[in-house]
């Protein structure tokens, strides 16, 4: 079931990523945008790596994150790959 949020581009859909906040019309989770931003990418650069997103969607995802940091940080932590499982050549 699609659920709107207080952010225009952010929704939840129980059928996509278990209801994790995503960009409306995509399967892109807010956490993917936040993690890219945390790695040092400027918001204006993020659509270059995720060309299906608009700059407005990116800024809305970051705004959602700032309003819901503990929730999104929890999703980031749950999806983190343990260091010991990452090939050192990667």
N, C-alpha and C. Protein backbone atom coordinates (compact mmCIF):
# COMPACT_ATOMS: atom_id res chain seq x y z
N UNK A 1 0.83 -1.18 0.00
CA UNK A 1 0.00 0.00 0.00
C UNK A 1 0.89 1.25 0.00
N UNK A 2 0.65 2.15 -0.91
CA UNK A 2 1.42 3.38 -1.04
C UNK A 2 0.96 4.38 0.02
N UNK A 3 1.92 4.91 0.76
CA UNK A 3 1.62 5.89 1.80
C UNK A 3 2.41 7.16 1.54
N UNK A 4 1.72 8.28 1.48
CA UNK A 4 2.37 9.57 1.30
C UNK A 4 3.05 9.97 2.62
N UNK A 5 4.01 10.86 2.52
CA UNK A 5 4.65 11.46 3.69
C UNK A 5 4.43 12.96 3.61
N UNK A 6 4.96 13.68 4.56
CA UNK A 6 4.84 15.14 4.53
C UNK A 6 5.77 15.76 3.49
N UNK A 7 6.59 14.94 2.84
CA UNK A 7 7.51 15.40 1.79
C UNK A 7 6.94 14.97 0.43
N UNK A 8 6.88 15.89 -0.48
CA UNK A 8 6.19 15.67 -1.76
C UNK A 8 6.74 14.49 -2.57
N UNK A 9 8.06 14.28 -2.56
CA UNK A 9 8.65 13.22 -3.38
C UNK A 9 8.93 11.93 -2.62
N UNK A 10 8.65 11.89 -1.35
CA UNK A 10 8.98 10.72 -0.53
C UNK A 10 7.71 9.97 -0.16
N UNK A 11 7.72 8.66 -0.41
CA UNK A 11 6.58 7.80 -0.09
C UNK A 11 7.09 6.52 0.57
N UNK A 12 6.15 5.76 1.06
CA UNK A 12 6.43 4.42 1.58
C UNK A 12 5.50 3.46 0.83
N UNK A 13 6.02 2.32 0.47
CA UNK A 13 5.22 1.31 -0.20
C UNK A 13 5.59 -0.03 0.43
N UNK A 14 4.63 -0.67 1.08
CA UNK A 14 4.90 -1.93 1.76
C UNK A 14 5.49 -2.98 0.81
N UNK A 15 5.21 -2.85 -0.48
CA UNK A 15 5.69 -3.82 -1.46
C UNK A 15 7.12 -3.52 -1.93
N UNK A 16 7.66 -2.37 -1.56
CA UNK A 16 9.01 -1.99 -1.98
C UNK A 16 9.87 -1.76 -0.75
N UNK A 17 10.90 -2.58 -0.60
CA UNK A 17 11.84 -2.46 0.51
C UNK A 17 11.15 -2.46 1.88
N UNK A 18 10.04 -3.18 1.97
CA UNK A 18 9.35 -3.32 3.24
C UNK A 18 8.81 -2.04 3.83
N UNK A 19 8.54 -1.06 2.99
CA UNK A 19 7.97 0.20 3.47
C UNK A 19 9.00 1.26 3.82
N UNK A 20 10.27 1.00 3.50
CA UNK A 20 11.33 2.00 3.72
C UNK A 20 11.03 3.23 2.86
N UNK A 21 11.31 4.43 3.33
CA UNK A 21 11.05 5.63 2.53
C UNK A 21 11.84 5.61 1.22
N UNK A 22 11.12 5.85 0.12
CA UNK A 22 11.71 5.85 -1.22
C UNK A 22 11.29 7.11 -1.96
N UNK A 23 11.94 7.35 -3.09
CA UNK A 23 11.54 8.44 -3.99
C UNK A 23 10.32 7.97 -4.77
N UNK A 24 9.27 8.77 -4.75
CA UNK A 24 8.02 8.44 -5.45
C UNK A 24 8.31 8.04 -6.91
N UNK A 25 7.71 6.94 -7.34
CA UNK A 25 7.84 6.48 -8.72
C UNK A 25 9.13 5.70 -9.00
N UNK A 26 9.93 5.45 -7.97
CA UNK A 26 11.18 4.70 -8.13
C UNK A 26 11.27 3.65 -7.02
N UNK A 27 12.34 2.89 -7.05
CA UNK A 27 12.66 1.98 -5.96
C UNK A 27 13.88 2.51 -5.20
N UNK A 28 14.23 3.75 -5.42
CA UNK A 28 15.41 4.35 -4.80
C UNK A 28 15.10 4.78 -3.38
N UNK A 29 15.79 4.16 -2.41
CA UNK A 29 15.54 4.56 -1.02
C UNK A 29 16.22 5.89 -0.68
N UNK A 30 15.63 6.60 0.26
CA UNK A 30 16.21 7.84 0.75
C UNK A 30 17.64 7.58 1.22
N UNK A 31 17.87 6.43 1.86
CA UNK A 31 19.20 6.13 2.39
C UNK A 31 20.27 6.13 1.30
N UNK A 32 19.94 5.74 0.07
CA UNK A 32 20.93 5.71 -1.01
C UNK A 32 21.40 7.12 -1.33
N UNK A 33 20.50 8.06 -1.30
CA UNK A 33 20.84 9.46 -1.56
C UNK A 33 21.66 10.01 -0.40
N UNK A 34 21.25 9.70 0.82
CA UNK A 34 21.97 10.17 2.00
C UNK A 34 23.39 9.61 2.02
N UNK A 35 23.55 8.34 1.72
CA UNK A 35 24.89 7.74 1.74
C UNK A 35 25.79 8.36 0.66
N UNK A 36 25.24 8.65 -0.48
CA UNK A 36 26.02 9.30 -1.54
C UNK A 36 26.45 10.69 -1.09
N UNK A 37 25.54 11.42 -0.48
CA UNK A 37 25.82 12.76 0.04
C UNK A 37 26.88 12.70 1.14
N UNK A 38 26.77 11.72 2.03
CA UNK A 38 27.75 11.56 3.11
C UNK A 38 29.15 11.23 2.59
N UNK A 39 29.23 10.61 1.43
CA UNK A 39 30.54 10.29 0.84
C UNK A 39 31.17 11.52 0.19
N UNK A 40 30.49 12.64 0.24
CA UNK A 40 31.07 13.87 -0.25
C UNK A 40 30.50 14.42 -1.54
N UNK A 41 29.53 13.74 -2.10
CA UNK A 41 28.92 14.25 -3.34
C UNK A 41 28.01 15.43 -3.01
N UNK A 42 28.14 16.47 -3.77
CA UNK A 42 27.22 17.61 -3.62
C UNK A 42 25.84 17.18 -4.12
N UNK A 43 24.78 17.71 -3.55
CA UNK A 43 23.43 17.33 -4.01
C UNK A 43 23.28 17.49 -5.52
N UNK A 44 23.89 18.53 -6.09
CA UNK A 44 23.78 18.77 -7.54
C UNK A 44 24.45 17.68 -8.36
N UNK A 45 25.39 16.93 -7.76
CA UNK A 45 26.10 15.86 -8.48
C UNK A 45 25.36 14.53 -8.43
N UNK A 46 24.49 14.36 -7.46
CA UNK A 46 23.85 13.05 -7.25
C UNK A 46 23.03 12.60 -8.45
N UNK A 47 22.28 13.47 -9.13
CA UNK A 47 21.55 13.00 -10.32
C UNK A 47 22.45 12.51 -11.45
N UNK A 48 23.73 12.87 -11.43
CA UNK A 48 24.65 12.35 -12.45
C UNK A 48 24.85 10.85 -12.27
N UNK A 49 24.91 10.40 -10.99
CA UNK A 49 25.06 8.97 -10.71
C UNK A 49 23.73 8.24 -10.66
N UNK A 50 22.67 8.98 -10.43
CA UNK A 50 21.31 8.41 -10.40
C UNK A 50 20.45 9.24 -11.35
N UNK A 51 20.67 9.07 -12.66
CA UNK A 51 20.04 9.97 -13.65
C UNK A 51 18.52 9.92 -13.72
N UNK A 52 17.91 8.95 -13.08
CA UNK A 52 16.44 8.89 -13.06
C UNK A 52 15.86 9.85 -12.02
N UNK A 53 16.72 10.50 -11.23
CA UNK A 53 16.26 11.43 -10.21
C UNK A 53 16.46 12.87 -10.66
N UNK A 54 15.57 13.73 -10.18
CA UNK A 54 15.72 15.17 -10.41
C UNK A 54 16.41 15.78 -9.20
N UNK A 55 16.93 16.97 -9.37
CA UNK A 55 17.55 17.67 -8.26
C UNK A 55 16.53 17.94 -7.15
N UNK A 56 15.31 18.24 -7.52
CA UNK A 56 14.26 18.46 -6.52
C UNK A 56 14.03 17.21 -5.68
N UNK A 57 14.05 16.04 -6.30
CA UNK A 57 13.89 14.79 -5.55
C UNK A 57 15.05 14.58 -4.59
N UNK A 58 16.26 14.89 -5.04
CA UNK A 58 17.44 14.75 -4.19
C UNK A 58 17.33 15.66 -2.98
N UNK A 59 17.01 16.92 -3.20
CA UNK A 59 16.89 17.85 -2.08
C UNK A 59 15.76 17.45 -1.14
N UNK A 60 14.67 16.91 -1.67
CA UNK A 60 13.58 16.48 -0.81
C UNK A 60 14.01 15.27 0.03
N UNK A 61 14.78 14.37 -0.56
CA UNK A 61 15.28 13.22 0.19
C UNK A 61 16.20 13.68 1.33
N UNK A 62 17.06 14.65 1.05
CA UNK A 62 17.94 15.16 2.09
C UNK A 62 17.14 15.90 3.16
N UNK A 63 16.12 16.60 2.77
CA UNK A 63 15.25 17.28 3.73
C UNK A 63 14.52 16.24 4.59
N UNK A 64 14.05 15.18 3.96
CA UNK A 64 13.39 14.10 4.72
C UNK A 64 14.37 13.52 5.73
N UNK A 65 15.60 13.29 5.29
CA UNK A 65 16.63 12.75 6.19
C UNK A 65 16.83 13.68 7.39
N UNK A 66 16.94 14.97 7.15
CA UNK A 66 17.17 15.90 8.25
C UNK A 66 16.00 15.91 9.23
N UNK A 67 14.80 15.61 8.76
CA UNK A 67 13.64 15.51 9.63
C UNK A 67 13.51 14.15 10.32
N UNK A 68 14.19 13.12 9.78
CA UNK A 68 14.03 11.74 10.27
C UNK A 68 15.38 11.03 10.36
N UNK A 69 16.37 11.69 10.92
CA UNK A 69 17.73 11.15 10.92
C UNK A 69 17.84 9.78 11.59
N UNK A 70 17.25 9.60 12.75
CA UNK A 70 17.42 8.32 13.44
C UNK A 70 16.82 7.17 12.63
N UNK A 71 15.69 7.41 12.00
CA UNK A 71 15.05 6.37 11.17
C UNK A 71 15.94 5.99 9.99
N UNK A 72 16.40 6.98 9.25
CA UNK A 72 17.22 6.70 8.06
C UNK A 72 18.57 6.11 8.46
N UNK A 73 19.16 6.62 9.54
CA UNK A 73 20.42 6.04 10.02
C UNK A 73 20.24 4.58 10.38
N UNK A 74 19.09 4.23 10.91
CA UNK A 74 18.79 2.83 11.23
C UNK A 74 18.75 1.98 9.96
N UNK A 75 18.12 2.48 8.90
CA UNK A 75 18.10 1.74 7.62
C UNK A 75 19.50 1.61 7.06
N UNK A 76 20.30 2.65 7.17
CA UNK A 76 21.68 2.61 6.67
C UNK A 76 22.46 1.53 7.42
N UNK A 77 22.34 1.52 8.73
CA UNK A 77 23.08 0.55 9.54
C UNK A 77 22.63 -0.87 9.23
N UNK A 78 21.33 -1.10 9.08
CA UNK A 78 20.81 -2.44 8.78
C UNK A 78 21.29 -2.97 7.44
N UNK A 79 21.59 -2.07 6.51
CA UNK A 79 22.00 -2.49 5.17
C UNK A 79 23.49 -2.40 4.93
N UNK A 80 24.24 -2.10 5.98
CA UNK A 80 25.70 -1.99 5.86
C UNK A 80 26.30 -3.38 5.66
N UNK A 81 27.26 -3.47 4.77
CA UNK A 81 27.97 -4.73 4.54
C UNK A 81 29.15 -4.77 5.50
N UNK A 82 29.28 -5.82 6.30
CA UNK A 82 30.40 -5.91 7.23
C UNK A 82 31.74 -5.86 6.49
N UNK A 83 32.69 -5.17 7.08
CA UNK A 83 34.02 -5.01 6.46
C UNK A 83 34.63 -6.34 6.05
N UNK A 84 34.47 -7.37 6.89
CA UNK A 84 35.09 -8.66 6.60
C UNK A 84 34.50 -9.34 5.37
N UNK A 85 33.34 -8.89 4.90
CA UNK A 85 32.74 -9.47 3.71
C UNK A 85 33.08 -8.71 2.42
N UNK A 86 33.79 -7.60 2.58
CA UNK A 86 34.15 -6.81 1.41
C UNK A 86 35.53 -7.22 0.93
N UNK A 87 35.61 -7.57 -0.34
CA UNK A 87 36.88 -7.95 -0.95
C UNK A 87 37.83 -6.77 -0.90
N UNK A 88 39.05 -6.97 -0.43
CA UNK A 88 40.00 -5.85 -0.33
C UNK A 88 40.34 -5.22 -1.67
N UNK A 89 40.05 -5.90 -2.76
CA UNK A 89 40.32 -5.33 -4.08
C UNK A 89 39.23 -4.39 -4.55
N UNK A 90 38.13 -4.32 -3.80
CA UNK A 90 37.00 -3.47 -4.21
C UNK A 90 37.28 -2.04 -3.84
